[in-house]
């Protein structure tokens, strides 16, 4: 759905569940369990990589970029699989 919805111009918001020691969004502390909403803004390489914007720059401004343009989509599915997404 990611490719089709983003290509069609529909916004997509994801709800991350980052388990301590598991995969985390770019710059998020890997030793913490984090629940976090973020916006998916695009994809690359036929959906293999996802682009997103992250408001956690206000929490961890030194490590979290406002935009991540090439995050592995399989890893992202793992991160949002426990909580979901809205489009």
Protein backbone atom coordinates (compact mmCIF):
# COMPACT_ATOMS: atom_id res chain seq x y z
CA UNK A 1 0.00 0.00 0.00
CA UNK A 2 2.91 2.35 0.70
CA UNK A 3 3.88 2.78 -2.94
CA UNK A 4 0.36 3.15 -4.28
CA UNK A 5 -0.82 5.58 -1.61
CA UNK A 6 2.24 7.84 -1.65
CA UNK A 7 2.32 7.85 -5.46
CA UNK A 8 -1.36 8.83 -5.51
CA UNK A 9 -0.65 11.74 -3.14
CA UNK A 10 -2.29 10.36 -0.01
CA UNK A 11 -0.57 11.18 3.27
CA UNK A 12 0.51 8.33 5.48
CA UNK A 13 1.23 8.54 9.19
CA UNK A 14 2.89 5.66 11.00
CA UNK A 15 2.94 4.75 14.69
CA UNK A 16 6.34 3.35 15.62
CA UNK A 17 6.92 0.82 18.36
CA UNK A 18 10.69 0.76 18.80
CA UNK A 19 11.64 -1.96 21.28
CA UNK A 20 14.83 -1.46 23.32
CA UNK A 21 17.59 -3.38 21.57
CA UNK A 22 15.54 -3.75 18.37
CA UNK A 23 15.38 -1.66 15.21
CA UNK A 24 14.85 2.07 15.65
CA UNK A 25 14.23 5.05 13.40
CA UNK A 26 17.31 7.04 12.41
CA UNK A 27 18.96 8.66 15.41
CA UNK A 28 16.58 7.30 18.05
CA UNK A 29 18.35 5.82 21.11
CA UNK A 30 18.43 2.04 20.61
CA UNK A 31 18.45 1.33 24.35
CA UNK A 32 14.94 2.78 24.84
CA UNK A 33 11.46 1.51 24.02
CA UNK A 34 9.78 4.34 22.11
CA UNK A 35 6.22 4.86 20.86
CA UNK A 36 6.20 7.62 18.26
CA UNK A 37 4.06 8.97 15.39
CA UNK A 38 5.86 10.11 12.24
CA UNK A 39 4.96 10.97 8.64
CA UNK A 40 5.88 8.84 5.64
CA UNK A 41 6.58 11.12 2.70
CA UNK A 42 7.88 8.89 -0.07
CA UNK A 43 9.75 5.83 -1.22
CA UNK A 44 12.70 4.86 -3.40
CA UNK A 45 13.83 1.83 -5.42
CA UNK A 46 10.31 0.50 -6.03
CA UNK A 47 9.45 0.65 -2.32
CA UNK A 48 12.63 -0.96 -1.00
CA UNK A 49 13.40 2.27 0.90
CA UNK A 50 11.02 4.66 2.63
CA UNK A 51 11.39 8.41 3.17
CA UNK A 52 9.92 9.99 6.28
CA UNK A 53 9.93 13.14 8.39
CA UNK A 54 10.46 12.93 12.11
CA UNK A 55 9.38 15.42 14.77
CA UNK A 56 11.65 13.74 17.36
CA UNK A 57 14.25 16.35 16.42
CA UNK A 58 12.74 18.31 19.32
CA UNK A 59 13.58 15.44 21.71
CA UNK A 60 16.98 14.37 20.36
CA UNK A 61 18.10 17.32 18.20
CA UNK A 62 21.73 16.18 17.94
CA UNK A 63 21.00 12.70 16.59
CA UNK A 64 17.61 12.70 14.83
CA UNK A 65 17.43 14.25 11.36
CA UNK A 66 14.22 16.04 10.37
CA UNK A 67 14.09 13.93 7.19
CA UNK A 68 15.36 10.43 6.46
CA UNK A 69 15.22 9.74 2.74
CA UNK A 70 16.32 6.10 2.44
CA UNK A 71 15.25 3.90 5.36
CA UNK A 72 14.96 0.17 4.68
CA UNK A 73 11.24 -0.54 4.19
CA UNK A 74 11.42 -4.08 5.61
CA UNK A 75 12.86 -2.67 8.84
CA UNK A 76 10.19 0.03 8.87
CA UNK A 77 7.46 -2.60 8.56
CA UNK A 78 8.93 -4.29 11.63
CA UNK A 79 8.93 -1.00 13.56
CA UNK A 80 5.33 -0.08 12.72
CA UNK A 81 3.97 -3.63 12.64
CA UNK A 82 3.05 -3.63 16.32
CA UNK A 83 1.09 -0.35 16.25
CA UNK A 84 0.13 0.45 12.66
CA UNK A 85 -0.32 3.34 10.30
CA UNK A 86 -3.06 5.68 9.07
CA UNK A 87 -3.72 6.97 5.57
